[in-house]
Amino acid sequence: MDIKVNGGTLPQKEIDAYIAYVKDKYKHRSLTGLTINIDGEFVDIESHFAEVPFDRTRRITGYLVGSLDRFNDAKRAEVEDRVKHGTAM
């Protein structure tokens, strides 16, 4: 885990307390690092997390799909021939 302390020094016990705080607050995320900025008596913690994979689900030709890998050639052709509508601004 990458820990950076800017603007001063902190005892390891205090750094460990910040790490425990962030891990407890964001239980379902994977913490990869912290940037701790010290400004006098104030401390600002910037948390860094591992990226979460995102699968896009779309409605294509009446089906909810994430990818076209299970479509046969006819269904793929239907996807290619369809009219895509943009969003009005």
N, C-alpha and C. Protein backbone atom coordinates (compact mmCIF):
# COMPACT_ATOMS: atom_id res chain seq x y z
N MET A 1 0.85 -1.17 0.00
CA MET A 1 0.00 0.00 0.00
C MET A 1 0.90 1.24 0.00
N ASP A 2 0.52 2.20 -0.82
CA ASP A 2 1.32 3.42 -0.97
C ASP A 2 0.79 4.49 -0.01
N ILE A 3 1.61 4.88 0.96
CA ILE A 3 1.23 5.89 1.95
C ILE A 3 2.14 7.11 1.77
N LYS A 4 1.54 8.28 1.57
CA LYS A 4 2.31 9.52 1.46
C LYS A 4 1.82 10.49 2.53
N VAL A 5 2.77 11.12 3.22
CA VAL A 5 2.44 12.12 4.22
C VAL A 5 3.07 13.43 3.77
N ASN A 6 2.22 14.45 3.55
CA ASN A 6 2.68 15.76 3.10
C ASN A 6 2.49 16.80 4.20
N GLY A 7 3.46 17.67 4.37
CA GLY A 7 3.33 18.79 5.30
C GLY A 7 3.76 18.48 6.72
N GLY A 8 4.43 17.38 6.94
CA GLY A 8 4.89 17.04 8.28
C GLY A 8 5.13 15.55 8.42
N THR A 9 5.22 15.10 9.66
CA THR A 9 5.42 13.68 9.94
C THR A 9 4.36 13.22 10.93
N LEU A 10 4.05 11.94 10.85
CA LEU A 10 3.09 11.33 11.76
C LEU A 10 3.68 10.05 12.32
N PRO A 11 3.36 9.72 13.57
CA PRO A 11 3.78 8.42 14.09
C PRO A 11 3.06 7.29 13.35
N GLN A 12 3.71 6.15 13.23
CA GLN A 12 3.13 5.01 12.51
C GLN A 12 1.79 4.59 13.11
N LYS A 13 1.65 4.72 14.43
CA LYS A 13 0.39 4.35 15.08
C LYS A 13 -0.77 5.20 14.57
N GLU A 14 -0.53 6.49 14.33
CA GLU A 14 -1.58 7.37 13.82
C GLU A 14 -1.89 7.04 12.36
N ILE A 15 -0.87 6.75 11.57
CA ILE A 15 -1.08 6.34 10.17
C ILE A 15 -1.91 5.07 10.12
N ASP A 16 -1.58 4.10 10.98
CA ASP A 16 -2.33 2.85 11.03
C ASP A 16 -3.79 3.09 11.42
N ALA A 17 -4.02 4.08 12.30
CA ALA A 17 -5.40 4.41 12.70
C ALA A 17 -6.18 4.98 11.52
N TYR A 18 -5.54 5.82 10.69
CA TYR A 18 -6.20 6.36 9.50
C TYR A 18 -6.51 5.24 8.51
N ILE A 19 -5.59 4.32 8.33
CA ILE A 19 -5.81 3.18 7.42
C ILE A 19 -7.00 2.35 7.92
N ALA A 20 -7.04 2.06 9.21
CA ALA A 20 -8.15 1.29 9.78
C ALA A 20 -9.47 2.02 9.61
N TYR A 21 -9.46 3.34 9.80
CA TYR A 21 -10.68 4.14 9.64
C TYR A 21 -11.22 4.04 8.22
N VAL A 22 -10.34 4.22 7.23
CA VAL A 22 -10.78 4.18 5.83
C VAL A 22 -11.25 2.78 5.46
N LYS A 23 -10.53 1.75 5.89
CA LYS A 23 -10.94 0.37 5.58
C LYS A 23 -12.30 0.05 6.20
N ASP A 24 -12.56 0.56 7.40
CA ASP A 24 -13.84 0.32 8.04
C ASP A 24 -14.97 1.10 7.36
N LYS A 25 -14.68 2.31 6.93
CA LYS A 25 -15.70 3.16 6.29
C LYS A 25 -16.08 2.64 4.91
N TYR A 26 -15.08 2.12 4.16
CA TYR A 26 -15.30 1.63 2.80
C TYR A 26 -15.02 0.13 2.76
N LYS A 27 -15.83 -0.65 3.45
CA LYS A 27 -15.59 -2.08 3.62
C LYS A 27 -15.58 -2.86 2.31
N HIS A 28 -16.33 -2.43 1.33
CA HIS A 28 -16.48 -3.19 0.09
C HIS A 28 -15.55 -2.71 -1.01
N ARG A 29 -14.57 -1.88 -0.66
CA ARG A 29 -13.61 -1.38 -1.65
C ARG A 29 -12.22 -1.80 -1.24
N SER A 30 -11.33 -1.94 -2.20
CA SER A 30 -9.96 -2.37 -1.94
C SER A 30 -9.04 -1.15 -1.89
N LEU A 31 -8.56 -0.83 -0.70
CA LEU A 31 -7.70 0.32 -0.49
C LEU A 31 -6.30 0.04 -1.03
N THR A 32 -5.81 0.94 -1.90
CA THR A 32 -4.46 0.77 -2.47
C THR A 32 -3.48 1.79 -1.93
N GLY A 33 -3.97 2.88 -1.33
CA GLY A 33 -3.05 3.88 -0.81
C GLY A 33 -3.77 5.02 -0.14
N LEU A 34 -2.99 5.82 0.58
CA LEU A 34 -3.50 7.02 1.24
C LEU A 34 -2.52 8.16 1.03
N THR A 35 -3.06 9.34 0.83
CA THR A 35 -2.26 10.56 0.87
C THR A 35 -2.78 11.35 2.05
N ILE A 36 -1.90 11.62 3.01
CA ILE A 36 -2.28 12.34 4.21
C ILE A 36 -1.64 13.71 4.16
N ASN A 37 -2.45 14.75 4.10
CA ASN A 37 -1.96 16.14 4.04
C ASN A 37 -2.16 16.78 5.41
N ILE A 38 -1.06 17.28 5.97
CA ILE A 38 -1.10 17.90 7.29
C ILE A 38 -1.02 19.41 7.12
N ASP A 39 -1.95 20.12 7.76
CA ASP A 39 -1.96 21.59 7.74
C ASP A 39 -2.18 22.06 9.17
N GLY A 40 -1.08 22.22 9.89
CA GLY A 40 -1.19 22.60 11.30
C GLY A 40 -1.80 21.48 12.09
N GLU A 41 -2.97 21.76 12.71
CA GLU A 41 -3.66 20.74 13.48
C GLU A 41 -4.67 19.96 12.65
N PHE A 42 -4.83 20.32 11.39
CA PHE A 42 -5.81 19.67 10.51
C PHE A 42 -5.13 18.62 9.65
N VAL A 43 -5.86 17.52 9.43
CA VAL A 43 -5.36 16.43 8.59
C VAL A 43 -6.41 16.14 7.53
N ASP A 44 -5.97 16.08 6.29
CA ASP A 44 -6.85 15.74 5.17
C ASP A 44 -6.40 14.39 4.63
N ILE A 45 -7.34 13.45 4.53
CA ILE A 45 -7.02 12.10 4.06
C ILE A 45 -7.59 11.93 2.65
N GLU A 46 -6.73 11.56 1.72
CA GLU A 46 -7.17 11.25 0.36
C GLU A 46 -6.98 9.75 0.16
N SER A 47 -8.08 9.04 -0.04
CA SER A 47 -8.06 7.59 -0.19
C SER A 47 -7.91 7.20 -1.65
N HIS A 48 -7.17 6.13 -1.90
CA HIS A 48 -6.99 5.60 -3.25
C HIS A 48 -7.45 4.15 -3.24
N PHE A 49 -8.35 3.83 -4.17
CA PHE A 49 -8.92 2.48 -4.21
C PHE A 49 -8.62 1.81 -5.54
N ALA A 50 -8.65 0.48 -5.54
CA ALA A 50 -8.50 -0.28 -6.78
C ALA A 50 -9.73 -0.03 -7.64
N GLU A 51 -9.52 -0.05 -8.94
CA GLU A 51 -10.65 0.17 -9.85
C GLU A 51 -11.62 -0.99 -9.79
N VAL A 52 -12.89 -0.66 -9.89
CA VAL A 52 -13.94 -1.66 -9.88
C VAL A 52 -14.32 -1.96 -11.32
N PRO A 53 -14.29 -3.24 -11.72
CA PRO A 53 -14.67 -3.56 -13.10
C PRO A 53 -16.15 -3.20 -13.34
N PHE A 54 -16.42 -2.65 -14.49
CA PHE A 54 -17.76 -2.20 -14.82
C PHE A 54 -18.22 -2.90 -16.10
N ASP A 55 -19.33 -3.60 -16.04
CA ASP A 55 -19.91 -4.24 -17.21
C ASP A 55 -21.13 -3.46 -17.64
N ARG A 56 -21.11 -3.02 -18.87
CA ARG A 56 -22.23 -2.26 -19.41
C ARG A 56 -23.31 -3.23 -19.88
N THR A 57 -24.55 -2.98 -19.47
CA THR A 57 -25.68 -3.78 -19.92
C THR A 57 -26.55 -2.89 -20.78
N ARG A 58 -26.88 -3.39 -21.96
CA ARG A 58 -27.71 -2.62 -22.89
C ARG A 58 -28.89 -3.46 -23.34
N ARG A 59 -29.93 -2.79 -23.77
CA ARG A 59 -31.05 -3.51 -24.39
C ARG A 59 -30.83 -3.45 -25.89
N ILE A 60 -30.57 -4.62 -26.47
CA ILE A 60 -30.32 -4.71 -27.91
C ILE A 60 -31.30 -5.72 -28.48
N THR A 61 -32.04 -5.27 -29.44
CA THR A 61 -33.03 -6.10 -30.15
C THR A 61 -33.92 -6.88 -29.18
N GLY A 62 -34.31 -6.23 -28.09
CA GLY A 62 -35.23 -6.85 -27.15
C GLY A 62 -34.58 -7.67 -26.06
N TYR A 63 -33.26 -7.76 -26.05
CA TYR A 63 -32.56 -8.56 -25.04
C TYR A 63 -31.65 -7.66 -24.20
N LEU A 64 -31.51 -7.96 -22.92
CA LEU A 64 -30.53 -7.28 -22.08
C LEU A 64 -29.22 -8.04 -22.20
N VAL A 65 -28.20 -7.37 -22.71
CA VAL A 65 -26.92 -8.04 -22.94
C VAL A 65 -25.77 -7.16 -22.46
N GLY A 66 -24.67 -7.79 -22.13
CA GLY A 66 -23.44 -7.08 -21.80
C GLY A 66 -22.50 -7.05 -22.98
N SER A 67 -22.52 -8.11 -23.77
CA SER A 67 -21.68 -8.18 -24.97
C SER A 67 -22.43 -8.99 -26.03
N LEU A 68 -21.88 -8.98 -27.22
CA LEU A 68 -22.54 -9.67 -28.33
C LEU A 68 -21.95 -11.06 -28.57
N ASP A 69 -21.10 -11.54 -27.70
CA ASP A 69 -20.39 -12.80 -27.96
C ASP A 69 -21.30 -14.02 -28.05
N ARG A 70 -22.51 -13.96 -27.51
CA ARG A 70 -23.43 -15.11 -27.58
C ARG A 70 -24.45 -14.97 -28.70
N PHE A 71 -24.40 -13.88 -29.45
CA PHE A 71 -25.33 -13.68 -30.57
C PHE A 71 -24.86 -14.47 -31.78
N ASN A 72 -25.84 -15.04 -32.53
CA ASN A 72 -25.49 -15.69 -33.79
C ASN A 72 -25.33 -14.62 -34.88
N ASP A 73 -24.96 -15.04 -36.10
CA ASP A 73 -24.69 -14.09 -37.18
C ASP A 73 -25.91 -13.23 -37.52
N ALA A 74 -27.10 -13.83 -37.52
CA ALA A 74 -28.31 -13.08 -37.86
C ALA A 74 -28.58 -11.99 -36.82
N LYS A 75 -28.41 -12.32 -35.54
CA LYS A 75 -28.65 -11.34 -34.49
C LYS A 75 -27.59 -10.24 -34.52
N ARG A 76 -26.35 -10.60 -34.85
CA ARG A 76 -25.29 -9.59 -34.98
C ARG A 76 -25.60 -8.63 -36.14
N ALA A 77 -26.10 -9.17 -37.24
CA ALA A 77 -26.47 -8.33 -38.39
C ALA A 77 -27.61 -7.39 -38.01
N GLU A 78 -28.55 -7.89 -37.22
CA GLU A 78 -29.66 -7.05 -36.76
C GLU A 78 -29.14 -5.89 -35.92
N VAL A 79 -28.14 -6.15 -35.09
CA VAL A 79 -27.54 -5.09 -34.27
C VAL A 79 -26.86 -4.07 -35.16
N GLU A 80 -26.12 -4.52 -36.17
CA GLU A 80 -25.41 -3.62 -37.08
C GLU A 80 -26.37 -2.76 -37.90
N ASP A 81 -27.54 -3.30 -38.25
CA ASP A 81 -28.49 -2.59 -39.10
C ASP A 81 -29.43 -1.65 -38.35
N ARG A 82 -29.46 -1.74 -37.06
CA ARG A 82 -30.42 -0.93 -36.32
C ARG A 82 -30.05 0.55 -36.33
N VAL A 83 -31.05 1.40 -36.15
CA VAL A 83 -30.86 2.84 -36.11
C VAL A 83 -30.56 3.24 -34.67
N LYS A 84 -29.44 3.91 -34.46
CA LYS A 84 -29.07 4.35 -33.12
C LYS A 84 -29.56 5.78 -32.92
N HIS A 85 -30.25 6.01 -31.85
CA HIS A 85 -30.83 7.32 -31.55
C HIS A 85 -29.96 8.03 -30.53
N GLY A 86 -29.66 9.29 -30.78
CA GLY A 86 -28.86 10.08 -29.84
C GLY A 86 -29.74 10.72 -28.79
N THR A 87 -29.11 11.36 -27.85
CA THR A 87 -29.85 12.06 -26.79
C THR A 87 -30.00 13.53 -27.17
N ALA A 88 -31.18 14.06 -27.01
CA ALA A 88 -31.42 15.48 -27.31
C ALA A 88 -30.85 16.33 -26.20
N MET A 89 -30.24 17.44 -26.57
CA MET A 89 -29.67 18.34 -25.56
C MET A 89 -30.40 19.66 -25.56
